[in-house]
PDB file of N, CA and C in Angstrom:
ATOM      1  N   MET A   1     -14.766  -4.774  11.715  1.00  0.00           N
ATOM      2  CA  MET A   1     -14.761  -3.299  12.426  1.00  0.00           C
ATOM      3  C   MET A   1     -13.906  -2.522  10.900  1.00  0.00           C
ATOM      4  N   THR A   2     -14.367  -1.389  10.962  1.00  0.00           N
ATOM      5  CA  THR A   2     -13.742  -0.444   9.883  1.00  0.00           C
ATOM      6  C   THR A   2     -13.426   0.652  10.619  1.00  0.00           C
ATOM      7  N   PRO A   3     -12.535   0.644  10.080  1.00  0.00           N
ATOM      8  CA  PRO A   3     -11.364   1.803  11.179  1.00  0.00           C
ATOM      9  C   PRO A   3     -12.053   3.231  11.187  1.00  0.00           C
ATOM     10  N   SER A   4     -12.379   4.280  11.293  1.00  0.00           N
ATOM     11  CA  SER A   4     -12.639   5.897  11.320  1.00  0.00           C
ATOM     12  C   SER A   4     -11.654   6.192  10.221  1.00  0.00           C
ATOM     13  N   PRO A   5     -12.112   7.472   9.141  1.00  0.00           N
ATOM     14  CA  PRO A   5     -10.725   7.993   8.484  1.00  0.00           C
ATOM     15  C   PRO A   5     -10.032   8.766   9.974  1.00  0.00           C
ATOM     16  N   ILE A   6     -10.733   8.776  10.940  1.00  0.00           N
ATOM     17  CA  ILE A   6      -9.828   9.848  11.863  1.00  0.00           C
ATOM     18  C   ILE A   6      -8.565   8.966  12.450  1.00  0.00           C
ATOM     19  N   ASP A   7      -8.700   7.841  12.609  1.00  0.00           N
ATOM     20  CA  ASP A   7      -8.219   6.604  13.676  1.00  0.00           C
ATOM     21  C   ASP A   7      -7.462   6.317  12.299  1.00  0.00           C
ATOM     22  N   SER A   8      -6.825   6.059  11.183  1.00  0.00           N
ATOM     23  CA  SER A   8      -6.865   5.439   9.925  1.00  0.00           C
ATOM     24  C   SER A   8      -6.636   6.478   8.682  1.00  0.00           C
ATOM     25  N   ARG A   9      -4.957   5.995   8.535  1.00  0.00           N
ATOM     26  CA  ARG A   9      -4.723   6.735   7.480  1.00  0.00           C
ATOM     27  C   ARG A   9      -4.635   5.784   6.348  1.00  0.00           C
ATOM     28  N   ARG A  10      -5.160   6.156   4.635  1.00  0.00           N
ATOM     29  CA  ARG A  10      -5.082   5.266   3.496  1.00  0.00           C
ATOM     30  C   ARG A  10      -3.532   5.237   3.258  1.00  0.00           C
ATOM     31  N   LEU A  11      -3.992   3.869   2.612  1.00  0.00           N
ATOM     32  CA  LEU A  11      -2.813   3.012   2.603  1.00  0.00           C
ATOM     33  C   LEU A  11      -2.735   2.477   0.974  1.00  0.00           C
ATOM     34  N   LEU A  12      -2.534   3.166  -0.421  1.00  0.00           N
ATOM     35  CA  LEU A  12      -2.970   2.659  -1.746  1.00  0.00           C
ATOM     36  C   LEU A  12      -2.115   1.970  -2.286  1.00  0.00           C
ATOM     37  N   LEU A  13      -2.582   0.623  -3.104  1.00  0.00           N
ATOM     38  CA  LEU A  13      -1.780  -0.796  -3.463  1.00  0.00           C
ATOM     39  C   LEU A  13      -2.296  -0.439  -4.725  1.00  0.00           C
ATOM     40  N   TYR A  14      -1.767   0.320  -5.454  1.00  0.00           N
ATOM     41  CA  TYR A  14      -1.935   0.012  -7.022  1.00  0.00           C
ATOM     42  C   TYR A  14      -1.170  -1.481  -8.053  1.00  0.00           C
ATOM     43  N   SER A  15      -1.853  -2.139  -8.013  1.00  0.00           N
ATOM     44  CA  SER A  15      -1.418  -3.173  -8.216  1.00  0.00           C
ATOM     45  C   SER A  15      -2.846  -3.597 -10.243  1.00  0.00           C
ATOM     46  N   ARG A  16      -1.930  -5.196 -10.032  1.00  0.00           N
ATOM     47  CA  ARG A  16      -3.202  -5.858 -11.341  1.00  0.00           C
ATOM     48  C   ARG A  16      -3.361  -7.403 -11.216  1.00  0.00           C
ATOM     49  N   VAL A  17      -4.701  -7.958 -11.357  1.00  0.00           N
ATOM     50  CA  VAL A  17      -4.205  -8.960 -11.091  1.00  0.00           C
ATOM     51  C   VAL A  17      -3.635  -9.769 -12.233  1.00  0.00           C
ATOM     52  N   GLY A  18      -3.498 -10.517 -11.770  1.00  0.00           N
ATOM     53  CA  GLY A  18      -1.889 -12.118 -12.551  1.00  0.00           C
ATOM     54  C   GLY A  18      -0.851 -11.312 -12.113  1.00  0.00           C
ATOM     55  N   CYS A  19      -0.358 -10.594 -10.922  1.00  0.00           N
ATOM     56  CA  CYS A  19       0.940  -9.685 -10.794  1.00  0.00           C
ATOM     57  C   CYS A  19       1.192 -10.642  -9.922  1.00  0.00           C
ATOM     58  N   CYS A  20       2.404 -11.293 -10.075  1.00  0.00           N
ATOM     59  CA  CYS A  20       2.754 -12.403  -8.605  1.00  0.00           C
ATOM     60  C   CYS A  20       3.376 -11.324  -7.498  1.00  0.00           C
ATOM     61  N   LEU A  21       3.955  -9.885  -7.924  1.00  0.00           N
ATOM     62  CA  LEU A  21       4.642  -9.594  -7.027  1.00  0.00           C
ATOM     63  C   LEU A  21       3.460  -8.225  -5.982  1.00  0.00           C
ATOM     64  N   CYS A  22       2.144  -8.460  -6.968  1.00  0.00           N
ATOM     65  CA  CYS A  22       1.495  -7.405  -6.800  1.00  0.00           C
ATOM     66  C   CYS A  22       0.371  -8.116  -5.759  1.00  0.00           C
ATOM     67  N   GLU A  23       0.624  -9.073  -6.377  1.00  0.00           N
ATOM     68  CA  GLU A  23      -0.498 -10.675  -4.969  1.00  0.00           C
ATOM     69  C   GLU A  23       0.350 -10.814  -4.441  1.00  0.00           C
ATOM     70  N   GLY A  24       1.299 -11.013  -4.078  1.00  0.00           N
ATOM     71  CA  GLY A  24       1.923 -11.378  -2.878  1.00  0.00           C
ATOM     72  C   GLY A  24       2.733 -10.373  -1.967  1.00  0.00           C
ATOM     73  N   LEU A  25       2.738  -8.893  -2.231  1.00  0.00           N
ATOM     74  CA  LEU A  25       2.645  -7.528  -1.493  1.00  0.00           C
ATOM     75  C   LEU A  25       1.645  -7.260  -0.593  1.00  0.00           C
ATOM     76  N   GLU A  26       0.104  -7.316  -1.992  1.00  0.00           N
ATOM     77  CA  GLU A  26      -0.922  -7.203  -0.682  1.00  0.00           C
ATOM     78  C   GLU A  26      -1.032  -8.447   0.300  1.00  0.00           C
ATOM     79  N   GLN A  27      -0.885 -10.169  -0.404  1.00  0.00           N
ATOM     80  CA  GLN A  27      -1.170 -11.122   1.336  1.00  0.00           C
ATOM     81  C   GLN A  27      -0.254 -10.270   2.376  1.00  0.00           C
ATOM     82  N   ARG A  28       1.600  -9.827   1.821  1.00  0.00           N
ATOM     83  CA  ARG A  28       1.980  -9.870   3.167  1.00  0.00           C
ATOM     84  C   ARG A  28       1.545  -8.518   3.978  1.00  0.00           C
ATOM     85  N   LEU A  29       0.697  -7.511   3.288  1.00  0.00           N
ATOM     86  CA  LEU A  29       0.159  -6.824   3.776  1.00  0.00           C
ATOM     87  C   LEU A  29      -0.970  -6.860   4.811  1.00  0.00           C
ATOM     88  N   ARG A  30      -2.144  -6.905   4.455  1.00  0.00           N
ATOM     89  CA  ARG A  30      -3.025  -7.835   4.901  1.00  0.00           C
ATOM     90  C   ARG A  30      -2.473  -9.071   6.390  1.00  0.00           C
ATOM     91  N   ASP A  31      -1.857  -9.621   5.808  1.00  0.00           N
ATOM     92  CA  ASP A  31      -1.062 -10.225   7.370  1.00  0.00           C
ATOM     93  C   ASP A  31      -0.691  -9.578   8.055  1.00  0.00           C
ATOM     94  N   LEU A  32      -0.611  -8.580   7.805  1.00  0.00           N
ATOM     95  CA  LEU A  32       0.120  -7.269   9.240  1.00  0.00           C
ATOM     96  C   LEU A  32      -0.613  -6.787   9.602  1.00  0.00           C
ATOM     97  N   ASN A  33      -2.478  -6.861   9.359  1.00  0.00           N
ATOM     98  CA  ASN A  33      -3.316  -6.634  10.091  1.00  0.00           C
ATOM     99  C   ASN A  33      -3.552  -4.863  10.540  1.00  0.00           C
ATOM    100  N   LEU A  34      -2.984  -4.212   9.441  1.00  0.00           N
ATOM    101  CA  LEU A  34      -2.540  -3.060   9.407  1.00  0.00           C
ATOM    102  C   LEU A  34      -3.632  -1.992   9.836  1.00  0.00           C
ATOM    103  N   GLU A  35      -4.705  -2.510  10.522  1.00  0.00           N
ATOM    104  CA  GLU A  35      -5.701  -1.819  10.471  1.00  0.00           C
ATOM    105  C   GLU A  35      -5.948  -1.967  11.854  1.00  0.00           C
ATOM    106  N   ARG A  36      -5.208  -3.086  12.640  1.00  0.00           N
ATOM    107  CA  ARG A  36      -5.418  -2.781  14.443  1.00  0.00           C
ATOM    108  C   ARG A  36      -3.593  -2.307  14.777  1.00  0.00           C
ATOM    109  N   SER A  37      -2.718  -1.864  13.840  1.00  0.00           N
ATOM    110  CA  SER A  37      -1.516  -1.612  14.658  1.00  0.00           C
ATOM    111  C   SER A  37      -1.822  -0.539  15.337  1.00  0.00           C
ATOM    112  N   VAL A  38      -0.624   0.304  15.759  1.00  0.00           N
ATOM    113  CA  VAL A  38      -0.496   1.411  16.719  1.00  0.00           C
ATOM    114  C   VAL A  38      -1.171   3.178  15.780  1.00  0.00           C
ATOM    115  N   HIS A  39      -0.481   2.499  14.723  1.00  0.00           N
ATOM    116  CA  HIS A  39      -0.629   3.595  13.641  1.00  0.00           C
ATOM    117  C   HIS A  39      -1.603   3.572  12.649  1.00  0.00           C
ATOM    118  N   PRO A  40      -2.646   2.779  12.427  1.00  0.00           N
ATOM    119  CA  PRO A  40      -3.930   1.935  11.965  1.00  0.00           C
ATOM    120  C   PRO A  40      -3.409   2.789  10.580  1.00  0.00           C
ATOM    121  N   LEU A  41      -3.835   1.702   9.533  1.00  0.00           N
ATOM    122  CA  LEU A  41      -3.436   1.844   8.133  1.00  0.00           C
ATOM    123  C   LEU A  41      -4.614   1.232   7.463  1.00  0.00           C
ATOM    124  N   GLN A  42      -5.693   1.410   6.747  1.00  0.00           N
ATOM    125  CA  GLN A  42      -6.620   1.153   5.941  1.00  0.00           C
ATOM    126  C   GLN A  42      -6.476   0.509   4.209  1.00  0.00           C
ATOM    127  N   LEU A  43      -5.769  -0.455   4.455  1.00  0.00           N
ATOM    128  CA  LEU A  43      -5.415  -1.030   2.981  1.00  0.00           C
ATOM    129  C   LEU A  43      -6.198  -0.905   1.756  1.00  0.00           C
ATOM    130  N   VAL A  44      -5.923  -0.027   0.472  1.00  0.00           N
ATOM    131  CA  VAL A  44      -7.124  -0.406  -0.406  1.00  0.00           C
ATOM    132  C   VAL A  44      -6.194  -0.446  -1.559  1.00  0.00           C
ATOM    133  N   VAL A  45      -6.598  -1.868  -2.453  1.00  0.00           N
ATOM    134  CA  VAL A  45      -6.073  -2.412  -3.253  1.00  0.00           C
ATOM    135  C   VAL A  45      -7.231  -1.643  -4.765  1.00  0.00           C
ATOM    136  N   VAL A  46      -6.059  -0.755  -5.533  1.00  0.00           N
ATOM    137  CA  VAL A  46      -6.565  -0.354  -6.740  1.00  0.00           C
ATOM    138  C   VAL A  46      -6.020  -1.050  -7.899  1.00  0.00           C
ATOM    139  N   ASP A  47      -7.215  -1.697  -8.597  1.00  0.00           N
ATOM    140  CA  ASP A  47      -6.516  -2.772  -9.907  1.00  0.00           C
ATOM    141  C   ASP A  47      -6.376  -1.396 -10.946  1.00  0.00           C
ATOM    142  N   ILE A  48      -4.848  -1.660 -11.319  1.00  0.00           N
ATOM    143  CA  ILE A  48      -5.127  -0.176 -12.639  1.00  0.00           C
ATOM    144  C   ILE A  48      -5.551  -0.907 -13.747  1.00  0.00           C
ATOM    145  N   ASP A  49      -6.184  -1.960 -14.052  1.00  0.00           N
ATOM    146  CA  ASP A  49      -6.841  -2.412 -15.040  1.00  0.00           C
ATOM    147  C   ASP A  49      -8.130  -2.481 -15.092  1.00  0.00           C
ATOM    148  N   SER A  50      -8.338  -2.549 -14.613  1.00  0.00           N
ATOM    149  CA  SER A  50     -10.230  -1.879 -14.161  1.00  0.00           C
ATOM    150  C   SER A  50     -10.474  -0.957 -14.927  1.00  0.00           C
ATOM    151  N   PRO A  51     -11.698  -1.339 -15.239  1.00  0.00           N
ATOM    152  CA  PRO A  51     -12.317   0.608 -16.119  1.00  0.00           C
ATOM    153  C   PRO A  51     -12.622   1.028 -15.194  1.00  0.00           C
ATOM    154  N   GLU A  52     -12.664   0.996 -14.251  1.00  0.00           N
ATOM    155  CA  GLU A  52     -12.858   2.506 -13.553  1.00  0.00           C
ATOM    156  C   GLU A  52     -11.548   3.017 -12.648  1.00  0.00           C
ATOM    157  N   CYS A  53     -10.421   2.574 -13.092  1.00  0.00           N
ATOM    158  CA  CYS A  53      -9.564   2.933 -13.159  1.00  0.00           C
ATOM    159  C   CYS A  53      -9.138   4.147 -13.895  1.00  0.00           C
ATOM    160  N   PRO A  54      -8.799   5.078 -14.015  1.00  0.00           N
ATOM    161  CA  PRO A  54      -8.359   6.170 -14.372  1.00  0.00           C
ATOM    162  C   PRO A  54      -7.518   6.301 -15.479  1.00  0.00           C
ATOM    163  N   ALA A  55      -7.159   6.524 -16.617  1.00  0.00           N
ATOM    164  CA  ALA A  55      -6.145   6.427 -17.539  1.00  0.00           C
ATOM    165  C   ALA A  55      -5.140   6.947 -17.169  1.00  0.00           C
ATOM    166  N   LEU A  56      -5.360   8.145 -16.703  1.00  0.00           N
ATOM    167  CA  LEU A  56      -3.672   8.686 -16.057  1.00  0.00           C
ATOM    168  C   LEU A  56      -3.526   7.313 -14.903  1.00  0.00           C
ATOM    169  N   LEU A  57      -3.706   6.660 -14.220  1.00  0.00           N
ATOM    170  CA  LEU A  57      -3.193   6.085 -13.475  1.00  0.00           C
ATOM    171  C   LEU A  57      -2.779   5.288 -13.554  1.00  0.00           C
ATOM    172  N   ARG A  58      -3.735   4.709 -14.465  1.00  0.00           N
ATOM    173  CA  ARG A  58      -3.313   3.496 -15.690  1.00  0.00           C
ATOM    174  C   ARG A  58      -2.091   3.245 -16.053  1.00  0.00           C
ATOM    175  N   ALA A  59      -1.504   4.704 -16.751  1.00  0.00           N
ATOM    176  CA  ALA A  59      -0.635   5.012 -17.968  1.00  0.00           C
ATOM    177  C   ALA A  59       0.695   5.400 -16.763  1.00  0.00           C
ATOM    178  N   ARG A  60       0.755   5.638 -15.889  1.00  0.00           N
ATOM    179  CA  ARG A  60       1.825   6.456 -14.807  1.00  0.00           C
ATOM    180  C   ARG A  60       2.364   4.806 -14.265  1.00  0.00           C
ATOM    181  N   TYR A  61       1.297   4.080 -13.863  1.00  0.00           N
ATOM    182  CA  TYR A  61       1.770   3.068 -12.685  1.00  0.00           C
ATOM    183  C   TYR A  61       1.768   1.518 -14.327  1.00  0.00           C
ATOM    184  N   ASP A  62       1.409   1.428 -14.901  1.00  0.00           N
ATOM    185  CA  ASP A  62       1.141   0.587 -16.053  1.00  0.00           C
ATOM    186  C   ASP A  62       2.289  -0.380 -16.138  1.00  0.00           C
ATOM    187  N   LEU A  63       3.985  -0.334 -15.434  1.00  0.00           N
ATOM    188  CA  LEU A  63       5.082  -0.816 -15.842  1.00  0.00           C
ATOM    189  C   LEU A  63       5.766  -0.715 -14.535  1.00  0.00           C
ATOM    190  N   GLU A  64       4.995  -0.141 -13.147  1.00  0.00           N
ATOM    191  CA  GLU A  64       6.121   0.111 -12.228  1.00  0.00           C
ATOM    192  C   GLU A  64       5.097  -0.950 -10.859  1.00  0.00           C
ATOM    193  N   VAL A  65       3.591  -1.546 -11.398  1.00  0.00           N
ATOM    194  CA  VAL A  65       3.068  -2.022 -10.142  1.00  0.00           C
ATOM    195  C   VAL A  65       4.103  -3.216  -9.480  1.00  0.00           C
ATOM    196  N   PRO A  66       4.151  -3.409  -8.321  1.00  0.00           N
ATOM    197  CA  PRO A  66       3.272  -2.376  -7.070  1.00  0.00           C
ATOM    198  C   PRO A  66       3.669  -1.351  -6.716  1.00  0.00           C
ATOM    199  N   VAL A  67       2.881  -0.565  -6.241  1.00  0.00           N
ATOM    200  CA  VAL A  67       3.403   0.997  -6.331  1.00  0.00           C
ATOM    201  C   VAL A  67       2.296   1.112  -4.326  1.00  0.00           C
ATOM    202  N   LEU A  68       3.513   1.608  -3.928  1.00  0.00           N
ATOM    203  CA  LEU A  68       2.231   1.842  -2.075  1.00  0.00           C
ATOM    204  C   LEU A  68       2.276   3.592  -1.945  1.00  0.00           C
ATOM    205  N   VAL A  69       1.613   3.332  -1.794  1.00  0.00           N
ATOM    206  CA  VAL A  69       0.967   6.114  -1.470  1.00  0.00           C
ATOM    207  C   VAL A  69       0.182   5.927  -0.300  1.00  0.00           C
ATOM    208  N   LEU A  70       1.206   6.494   0.331  1.00  0.00           N
ATOM    209  CA  LEU A  70       0.360   6.640   1.886  1.00  0.00           C
ATOM    210  C   LEU A  70      -0.941   8.244   1.763  1.00  0.00           C
ATOM    211  N   GLU A  71      -1.792   7.864   2.241  1.00  0.00           N
ATOM    212  CA  GLU A  71      -2.492   9.080   1.397  1.00  0.00           C
ATOM    213  C   GLU A  71      -2.060   9.672   0.055  1.00  0.00           C
ATOM    214  N   ASP A  72      -1.600  10.593  -0.053  1.00  0.00           N
ATOM    215  CA  ASP A  72      -0.979  11.562  -1.304  1.00  0.00           C
ATOM    216  C   ASP A  72       0.237  10.956  -1.852  1.00  0.00           C
ATOM    217  N   THR A  73       1.357  10.212  -0.445  1.00  0.00           N
ATOM    218  CA  THR A  73       2.332  10.363  -1.293  1.00  0.00           C
ATOM    219  C   THR A  73       3.180   8.921  -1.480  1.00  0.00           C
ATOM    220  N   GLU A  74       3.640   8.610  -2.800  1.00  0.00           N
ATOM    221  CA  GLU A  74       4.251   7.096  -3.388  1.00  0.00           C
ATOM    222  C   GLU A  74       5.614   7.600  -2.517  1.00  0.00           C
ATOM    223  N   LEU A  75       5.457   5.903  -1.182  1.00  0.00           N
ATOM    224  CA  LEU A  75       6.490   5.169  -0.967  1.00  0.00           C
ATOM    225  C   LEU A  75       7.395   4.724  -1.775  1.00  0.00           C
ATOM    226  N   PRO A  76       8.692   4.614  -1.255  1.00  0.00           N
ATOM    227  CA  PRO A  76       9.590   3.562  -2.068  1.00  0.00           C
ATOM    228  C   PRO A  76       9.802   2.639  -2.254  1.00  0.00           C
ATOM    229  N   ARG A  77      10.005   1.879  -3.247  1.00  0.00           N
ATOM    230  CA  ARG A  77       9.617   0.183  -3.704  1.00  0.00           C
ATOM    231  C   ARG A  77      10.397  -0.644  -2.563  1.00  0.00           C
ATOM    232  N   VAL A  78       9.624  -1.322  -2.282  1.00  0.00           N
ATOM    233  CA  VAL A  78       9.513  -1.920  -1.231  1.00  0.00           C
ATOM    234  C   VAL A  78      10.390  -4.186  -1.826  1.00  0.00           C
ATOM    235  N   SER A  79      10.654  -4.114  -0.800  1.00  0.00           N
ATOM    236  CA  SER A  79      12.050  -5.195  -1.554  1.00  0.00           C
ATOM    237  C   SER A  79      10.869  -6.228  -1.416  1.00  0.00           C
ATOM    238  N   PRO A  80      10.922  -7.593  -2.424  1.00  0.00           N
ATOM    239  CA  PRO A  80       9.719  -8.419  -2.535  1.00  0.00           C
ATOM    240  C   PRO A  80      10.321  -9.370  -1.358  1.00  0.00           C
ATOM    241  N   ARG A  81      11.540  -9.680  -0.795  1.00  0.00           N
ATOM    242  CA  ARG A  81      12.033 -10.518  -0.107  1.00  0.00           C
ATOM    243  C   ARG A  81      11.154 -10.106   1.663  1.00  0.00           C
ATOM    244  N   LEU A  82      10.947  -8.570   1.798  1.00  0.00           N
ATOM    245  CA  LEU A  82      10.615  -8.018   3.211  1.00  0.00           C
ATOM    246  C   LEU A  82       9.087  -8.974   3.750  1.00  0.00           C
ATOM    247  N   SER A  83       9.080  -9.572   4.516  1.00  0.00           N
ATOM    248  CA  SER A  83       7.691  -9.894   5.569  1.00  0.00           C
ATOM    249  C   SER A  83       8.052 -10.111   7.103  1.00  0.00           C
ATOM    250  N   GLY A  84       6.255 -10.234   7.310  1.00  0.00           N
ATOM    251  CA  GLY A  84       6.442  -9.911   9.143  1.00  0.00           C
ATOM    252  C   GLY A  84       7.138  -9.312   9.270  1.00  0.00           C
ATOM    253  N   ASP A  85       7.692  -8.991  10.335  1.00  0.00           N
ATOM    254  CA  ASP A  85       8.443  -8.418  11.102  1.00  0.00           C
ATOM    255  C   ASP A  85       9.019  -6.699  10.104  1.00  0.00           C
ATOM    256  N   GLY A  86      10.271  -7.431   9.185  1.00  0.00           N
ATOM    257  CA  GLY A  86      10.493  -6.734   8.089  1.00  0.00           C
ATOM    258  C   GLY A  86      10.049  -5.834   7.590  1.00  0.00           C
ATOM    259  N   LEU A  87       8.655  -6.018   7.226  1.00  0.00           N
ATOM    260  CA  LEU A  87       7.695  -5.495   6.588  1.00  0.00           C
ATOM    261  C   LEU A  87       7.367  -4.227   6.631  1.00  0.00           C
ATOM    262  N   ARG A  88       7.068  -4.779   8.021  1.00  0.00           N
ATOM    263  CA  ARG A  88       6.347  -3.944   9.224  1.00  0.00           C
ATOM    264  C   ARG A  88       7.122  -3.170   9.431  1.00  0.00           C
ATOM    265  N   ASN A  89       8.321  -3.157   9.981  1.00  0.00           N
ATOM    266  CA  ASN A  89       9.631  -2.133  10.325  1.00  0.00           C
ATOM    267  C   ASN A  89       9.775  -1.166   9.176  1.00  0.00           C
ATOM    268  N   TRP A  90       9.896  -1.788   8.395  1.00  0.00           N
ATOM    269  CA  TRP A  90       9.671  -1.032   6.388  1.00  0.00           C
ATOM    270  C   TRP A  90       8.518   0.164   6.731  1.00  0.00           C
ATOM    271  N   LEU A  91       7.384   0.087   7.028  1.00  0.00           N
ATOM    272  CA  LEU A  91       6.482   0.332   6.429  1.00  0.00           C
ATOM    273  C   LEU A  91       6.522   1.190   7.657  1.00  0.00           C
ATOM    274  N   GLN A  92       6.571   0.849   8.978  1.00  0.00           N
ATOM    275  CA  GLN A  92       6.599   2.256  10.173  1.00  0.00           C
ATOM    276  C   GLN A  92       7.677   3.123   9.578  1.00  0.00           C
ATOM    277  N   ARG A  93       8.596   3.244   9.514  1.00  0.00           N
ATOM    278  CA  ARG A  93       9.676   3.867   9.245  1.00  0.00           C
ATOM    279  C   ARG A  93       9.338   4.995   7.753  1.00  0.00           C
ATOM    280  N   VAL A  94       9.040   4.091   6.838  1.00  0.00           N
ATOM    281  CA  VAL A  94       8.800   5.304   5.516  1.00  0.00           C
ATOM    282  C   VAL A  94       7.479   5.878   5.773  1.00  0.00           C
ATOM    283  N   CYS A  95       6.548   5.410   6.471  1.00  0.00           N
ATOM    284  CA  CYS A  95       5.545   6.505   6.917  1.00  0.00           C
ATOM    285  C   CYS A  95       5.807   7.240   7.926  1.00  0.00           C
ATOM    286  N   SER A  96       7.133   7.521   8.864  1.00  0.00           N
ATOM    287  CA  SER A  96       7.301   8.578   9.424  1.00  0.00           C
ATOM    288  C   SER A  96       8.062   9.381   9.097  1.00  0.00           C
ATOM    289  N   THR A  97       8.942   8.706   8.520  1.00  0.00           N
ATOM    290  CA  THR A  97       9.867   9.727   7.696  1.00  0.00           C
ATOM    291  C   THR A  97       9.616  10.702   6.295  1.00  0.00           C
ATOM    292  N   GLY A  98       8.992  10.707   5.525  1.00  0.00           N
ATOM    293  CA  GLY A  98       8.455  11.044   4.365  1.00  0.00           C
ATOM    294  C   GLY A  98       7.506  11.160   4.051  1.00  0.00           C
ATOM    295  N   ALA A  99       5.891  10.481   4.723  1.00  0.00           N
ATOM    296  CA  ALA A  99       4.366  10.419   4.321  1.00  0.00           C
ATOM    297  C   ALA A  99       3.506  11.036   5.211  1.00  0.00           C
ATOM    298  N   GLY A 100       4.165  12.302   5.605  1.00  0.00           N
ATOM    299  CA  GLY A 100       3.109  13.536   6.115  1.00  0.00           C
ATOM    300  C   GLY A 100       2.451  12.637   7.469  1.00  0.00           C
ATOM    301  N   SER A 101       3.918  12.443   8.689  1.00  0.00           N
ATOM    302  CA  SER A 101       3.354  11.987   9.336  1.00  0.00           C
ATOM    303  C   SER A 101       3.718  13.445  10.588  1.00  0.00           C
ATOM    304  N   ASP A 102       3.701  13.134  11.971  1.00  0.00           N
ATOM    305  CA  ASP A 102       3.781  14.346  12.575  1.00  0.00           C
ATOM    306  C   ASP A 102       5.117  14.273  13.285  1.00  0.00           C
TER     307      ASP A 102
END
């Protein structure tokens, strides 16, 4: 089931292949089933080394990945130790306090 744009917000993960922090965060986010939560999020992974990735984004995030962006708002860096409920709670908190929520 694909969430509709009306029902979910887009959570971008700027990442790169082979980055253990990036791959770990992606897996932990996927484990949360974000698209099925009360406030669904659609996780979109952007490989900054991909030829399709604009040079401006590659330059901006080259040394910063993994970076999470909710809609157009860059989120604070998430601790690599957070997983499960801790990551879900962190994500709910940052999404509701400064990332364009109601």
